[in-house]
């Protein structure tokens, strides 16, 4: 009996030791990107395909409708890109539905999560570009605050800005000059700005937005940026127009 108790005691001790907290230390972090493309379609699993078929049908009915067409491939890039220009201009375009007349729009590069590919643009494409619950909003900045905002944009190497904005920045993120519609920024004037609520809160290093006043920030889901983009494409499609945007020199890097 004593021998059996001794064995049980040793076993219990080993079990407790194995369950004791381990003191691990992180020695490094590695990551890689796995690209899911047509390579994985070479040997399809028929049973899996049949199982997924009804779900795919529902998903396609939501994601596949065509919103409009785009003239060429568009990619977000700093200091300026065709896609970031387009999305900033869409904020200006959408402002009319809110009885607003902003003089400039700001859309952050970090909020643009996919490219636009030449040809038909589906709802899935729009959702891929703007997957977050960011909503359009409006604020009024003094010229002094606006210059701080432009300095912060320069520090980040560029963000999406609407047509009429002319920034010259250095490679190391300093603002050299700023003009709006051909005019110098008046420190004492007030400028109505449209952006997304994520930036209005001062995120992405654009803290000057928190200095704004007379904020309008509708919370309904219909004000989400993806719906504004979708509506813009639909409007262009009804007019028989293909959506286009170019790099225009809105933000230039000083040589």
Protein backbone atom coordinates (compact mmCIF):
# COMPACT_ATOMS: atom_id res chain seq x y z
CA UNK A 1 0.00 0.00 0.00
CA UNK A 2 2.83 2.38 0.92
CA UNK A 3 4.54 1.64 -2.39
CA UNK A 4 1.33 2.37 -4.31
CA UNK A 5 0.87 5.67 -2.46
CA UNK A 6 4.45 6.59 -3.27
CA UNK A 7 3.86 5.92 -6.97
CA UNK A 8 0.67 8.00 -6.92
CA UNK A 9 2.52 10.80 -5.15
CA UNK A 10 5.32 10.84 -7.72
CA UNK A 11 2.72 10.78 -10.55
CA UNK A 12 0.79 13.69 -9.01
CA UNK A 13 4.00 15.68 -8.60
CA UNK A 14 4.90 15.15 -12.26
CA UNK A 15 1.40 16.19 -13.36
CA UNK A 16 1.56 19.37 -11.29
CA UNK A 17 4.99 20.16 -12.68
CA UNK A 18 3.79 19.71 -16.25
CA UNK A 19 0.85 22.07 -15.61
CA UNK A 20 2.96 24.75 -13.97
CA UNK A 21 3.27 28.06 -15.85
CA UNK A 22 6.13 28.11 -18.35
CA UNK A 23 8.39 31.13 -18.53
CA UNK A 24 8.81 31.65 -22.25
CA UNK A 25 10.64 34.57 -23.83
CA UNK A 26 10.00 36.00 -27.29
CA UNK A 27 13.20 35.75 -29.34
CA UNK A 28 11.91 37.05 -32.67
CA UNK A 29 8.95 37.65 -34.97
CA UNK A 30 8.66 36.54 -38.56
CA UNK A 31 5.79 36.87 -40.97
CA UNK A 32 4.99 36.04 -44.55
CA UNK A 33 2.14 36.72 -46.96
CA UNK A 34 0.28 33.82 -48.52
CA UNK A 35 -1.21 34.88 -51.84
CA UNK A 36 -4.44 33.05 -52.60
CA UNK A 37 -4.81 32.97 -56.37
CA UNK A 38 -5.69 30.63 -59.25
CA UNK A 39 -2.97 28.17 -58.25
CA UNK A 40 -5.35 26.81 -55.64
CA UNK A 41 -7.99 26.13 -58.32
CA UNK A 42 -5.92 23.50 -60.14
CA UNK A 43 -7.27 20.59 -58.08
CA UNK A 44 -10.65 21.64 -56.72
CA UNK A 45 -12.34 19.63 -53.99
CA UNK A 46 -15.73 18.72 -55.46
CA UNK A 47 -17.30 17.89 -52.11
CA UNK A 48 -16.19 21.22 -50.66
CA UNK A 49 -17.45 23.05 -53.76
CA UNK A 50 -20.90 21.46 -53.43
CA UNK A 51 -21.04 22.30 -49.75
CA UNK A 52 -20.15 25.95 -50.42
CA UNK A 53 -22.36 26.37 -53.50
CA UNK A 54 -25.50 27.74 -51.76
CA UNK A 55 -23.43 30.16 -49.68
CA UNK A 56 -21.51 31.28 -52.77
CA UNK A 57 -24.79 31.99 -54.54
CA UNK A 58 -25.93 34.30 -51.75
CA UNK A 59 -22.53 35.98 -51.52
CA UNK A 60 -22.36 36.56 -55.29
CA UNK A 61 -25.86 38.06 -55.32
CA UNK A 62 -24.60 40.72 -52.90
CA UNK A 63 -21.06 41.25 -54.13
CA UNK A 64 -21.32 40.80 -57.90
CA UNK A 65 -23.62 43.68 -59.01
CA UNK A 66 -21.73 46.18 -61.16
CA UNK A 67 -21.61 49.74 -59.80
CA UNK A 68 -19.86 51.31 -62.78
CA UNK A 69 -16.63 51.27 -64.74
CA UNK A 70 -13.15 52.63 -64.16
CA UNK A 71 -10.88 53.85 -66.96
CA UNK A 72 -7.60 52.32 -65.80
CA UNK A 73 -5.91 50.55 -62.90
CA UNK A 74 -5.66 52.74 -59.82
CA UNK A 75 -3.34 52.22 -56.86
CA UNK A 76 -3.03 54.23 -53.61
CA UNK A 77 0.43 55.67 -53.14
CA UNK A 78 2.23 58.56 -51.45
CA UNK A 79 2.68 61.45 -51.85
CA UNK A 80 -0.23 61.43 -54.31
CA UNK A 81 -2.09 58.86 -56.38
CA UNK A 82 -4.99 58.64 -58.78
CA UNK A 83 -7.04 56.55 -56.33
CA UNK A 84 -6.50 58.81 -53.31
CA UNK A 85 -7.36 61.81 -55.49
CA UNK A 86 -10.56 60.10 -56.61
CA UNK A 87 -11.73 59.23 -53.08
CA UNK A 88 -11.00 62.75 -51.80
CA UNK A 89 -12.97 64.22 -54.68
CA UNK A 90 -15.86 61.83 -53.98
CA UNK A 91 -16.16 63.33 -50.48
CA UNK A 92 -16.55 66.77 -52.10
CA UNK A 93 -19.08 65.36 -54.57
CA UNK A 94 -21.14 63.76 -51.78
CA UNK A 95 -21.25 66.94 -49.68
CA UNK A 96 -24.21 68.32 -51.63
CA UNK A 97 -26.45 65.67 -50.07
CA UNK A 98 -25.66 67.15 -46.64
CA UNK A 99 -26.21 70.77 -47.67
CA UNK A 100 -22.49 71.33 -47.22
CA UNK A 101 -20.01 73.21 -49.40
CA UNK A 102 -16.53 72.19 -48.24
CA UNK A 103 -13.54 73.75 -49.93
CA UNK A 104 -11.37 70.67 -49.56
CA UNK A 105 -11.56 66.97 -48.73
CA UNK A 106 -9.06 64.71 -46.97
CA UNK A 107 -9.00 60.89 -47.28
CA UNK A 108 -6.26 58.92 -45.54
CA UNK A 109 -4.07 56.48 -47.44
CA UNK A 110 -4.41 53.96 -44.61
CA UNK A 111 -8.14 53.76 -45.23
CA UNK A 112 -7.66 52.64 -48.85
CA UNK A 113 -7.23 48.87 -48.68
CA UNK A 114 -7.27 47.72 -52.32
CA UNK A 115 -6.63 48.79 -55.90
CA UNK A 116 -9.22 49.54 -58.54
CA UNK A 117 -8.79 47.39 -61.64
CA UNK A 118 -9.67 48.70 -65.11
CA UNK A 119 -13.16 47.73 -66.29
CA UNK A 120 -16.29 46.86 -64.35
CA UNK A 121 -16.37 47.79 -60.68
CA UNK A 122 -18.55 45.60 -58.45
CA UNK A 123 -19.81 46.15 -54.93
CA UNK A 124 -17.14 43.69 -53.80
CA UNK A 125 -14.47 45.95 -55.33
CA UNK A 126 -15.82 48.98 -53.48
CA UNK A 127 -16.02 47.03 -50.22
CA UNK A 128 -12.41 45.91 -50.66
CA UNK A 129 -11.29 49.52 -51.06
CA UNK A 130 -13.28 50.84 -48.10
CA UNK A 131 -13.90 47.93 -45.67
CA UNK A 132 -14.15 50.05 -42.53
CA UNK A 133 -17.16 51.78 -40.99
CA UNK A 134 -15.75 55.23 -41.74
CA UNK A 135 -18.41 57.87 -42.33
CA UNK A 136 -18.32 61.24 -44.03
CA UNK A 137 -18.15 64.26 -41.76
CA UNK A 138 -17.52 68.00 -41.87
CA UNK A 139 -15.61 70.47 -39.76
CA UNK A 140 -14.43 74.08 -39.90
CA UNK A 141 -10.73 74.81 -39.43
CA UNK A 142 -9.03 78.18 -39.15
CA UNK A 143 -6.27 78.82 -41.64
CA UNK A 144 -3.78 78.38 -38.81
CA UNK A 145 -5.18 74.94 -37.98
CA UNK A 146 -5.34 74.04 -41.66
CA UNK A 147 -1.64 74.80 -42.03
CA UNK A 148 -0.96 72.51 -39.06
CA UNK A 149 -3.01 69.83 -40.81
CA UNK A 150 -0.98 70.27 -44.00
CA UNK A 151 2.23 70.03 -41.96
CA UNK A 152 1.01 66.76 -40.48
CA UNK A 153 0.12 65.48 -43.96
CA UNK A 154 3.63 66.43 -45.10
CA UNK A 155 5.11 64.59 -42.13
CA UNK A 156 3.28 61.44 -43.22
CA UNK A 157 4.58 61.80 -46.77
CA UNK A 158 1.17 62.66 -48.20
CA UNK A 159 -2.50 61.77 -47.82
CA UNK A 160 -5.47 61.97 -50.15
CA UNK A 161 -6.41 65.61 -50.86
CA UNK A 162 -9.11 66.97 -53.13
CA UNK A 163 -8.72 68.97 -56.32
CA UNK A 164 -7.47 72.51 -55.75
CA UNK A 165 -5.02 71.61 -52.97
CA UNK A 166 -1.38 72.31 -53.84
CA UNK A 167 1.23 71.14 -51.33
CA UNK A 168 4.99 71.09 -51.75
CA UNK A 169 6.78 68.91 -49.23
CA UNK A 170 10.33 67.67 -48.70
CA UNK A 171 11.50 64.06 -48.77
CA UNK A 172 11.91 64.13 -45.00
CA UNK A 173 8.30 65.26 -44.42
CA UNK A 174 8.51 69.03 -44.08
CA UNK A 175 5.89 71.36 -45.54
CA UNK A 176 7.42 73.88 -47.96
CA UNK A 177 4.27 75.61 -49.21
CA UNK A 178 0.50 75.23 -49.29
CA UNK A 179 -2.12 76.78 -51.56
CA UNK A 180 -5.82 76.21 -52.06
CA UNK A 181 -7.44 77.02 -55.39
CA UNK A 182 -4.43 79.12 -56.27
CA UNK A 183 -4.52 81.18 -53.07
CA UNK A 184 -2.26 81.26 -50.02
CA UNK A 185 -3.83 80.01 -46.80
CA UNK A 186 -5.13 82.91 -44.69
CA UNK A 187 -4.36 82.11 -41.00
CA UNK A 188 -7.41 84.10 -39.84
CA UNK A 189 -9.90 82.71 -42.38
CA UNK A 190 -12.15 79.70 -41.85
CA UNK A 191 -12.20 76.68 -44.15
CA UNK A 192 -14.92 74.06 -44.32
CA UNK A 193 -13.40 70.60 -44.68
CA UNK A 194 -14.90 67.18 -45.39
CA UNK A 195 -13.20 63.98 -44.27
CA UNK A 196 -14.09 60.74 -42.50
CA UNK A 197 -14.89 60.44 -38.80
CA UNK A 198 -11.77 58.37 -38.14
CA UNK A 199 -9.62 61.38 -39.06
CA UNK A 200 -11.92 63.87 -37.36
CA UNK A 201 -10.99 62.14 -34.11
CA UNK A 202 -7.32 63.00 -34.74
CA UNK A 203 -6.17 59.54 -35.84
CA UNK A 204 -3.34 58.73 -38.27
CA UNK A 205 -1.32 61.60 -36.83
CA UNK A 206 -3.72 64.25 -38.15
CA UNK A 207 -4.43 65.77 -34.75
CA UNK A 208 -5.18 69.22 -36.21
CA UNK A 209 -8.66 67.91 -37.03
CA UNK A 210 -9.48 68.00 -33.32
CA UNK A 211 -9.17 71.81 -33.46
CA UNK A 212 -12.24 72.02 -35.73
CA UNK A 213 -15.61 73.47 -34.83
CA UNK A 214 -19.21 73.21 -36.07
CA UNK A 215 -18.71 69.51 -36.65
CA UNK A 216 -21.30 67.51 -38.56
CA UNK A 217 -20.81 63.77 -38.20
CA UNK A 218 -23.89 61.72 -39.20
CA UNK A 219 -23.89 58.24 -37.68
CA UNK A 220 -26.30 56.32 -39.92
CA UNK A 221 -24.79 53.43 -41.89
CA UNK A 222 -25.83 55.08 -45.17
CA UNK A 223 -23.14 57.69 -44.56
CA UNK A 224 -20.38 55.08 -44.73
CA UNK A 225 -17.68 55.95 -47.23
CA UNK A 226 -18.25 52.75 -49.19
CA UNK A 227 -21.82 53.79 -49.96
CA UNK A 228 -20.68 57.22 -51.09
CA UNK A 229 -18.16 55.60 -53.44
CA UNK A 230 -20.83 53.21 -54.69
CA UNK A 231 -23.28 56.06 -55.28
CA UNK A 232 -20.64 58.01 -57.19
CA UNK A 233 -19.99 55.09 -59.53
CA UNK A 234 -23.73 54.53 -60.02
CA UNK A 235 -24.22 58.20 -60.85
CA UNK A 236 -21.44 58.06 -63.44
CA UNK A 237 -22.89 54.88 -64.91
CA UNK A 238 -26.33 56.48 -65.31
CA UNK A 239 -24.64 59.33 -67.20
CA UNK A 240 -22.81 56.88 -69.42
CA UNK A 241 -19.44 57.99 -68.01
CA UNK A 242 -16.41 55.96 -67.04
CA UNK A 243 -14.79 56.94 -63.74
CA UNK A 244 -11.33 58.41 -64.17
CA UNK A 245 -8.72 60.18 -62.06
CA UNK A 246 -5.11 61.18 -62.58
CA UNK A 247 -2.08 62.27 -60.61
CA UNK A 248 -2.20 66.05 -61.01
CA UNK A 249 0.55 67.40 -58.78
CA UNK A 250 -1.65 68.06 -55.79
CA UNK A 251 1.25 67.03 -53.56
CA UNK A 252 4.77 67.47 -54.92
CA UNK A 253 8.10 66.43 -53.46
CA UNK A 254 10.64 69.24 -53.63
CA UNK A 255 13.78 68.27 -55.59
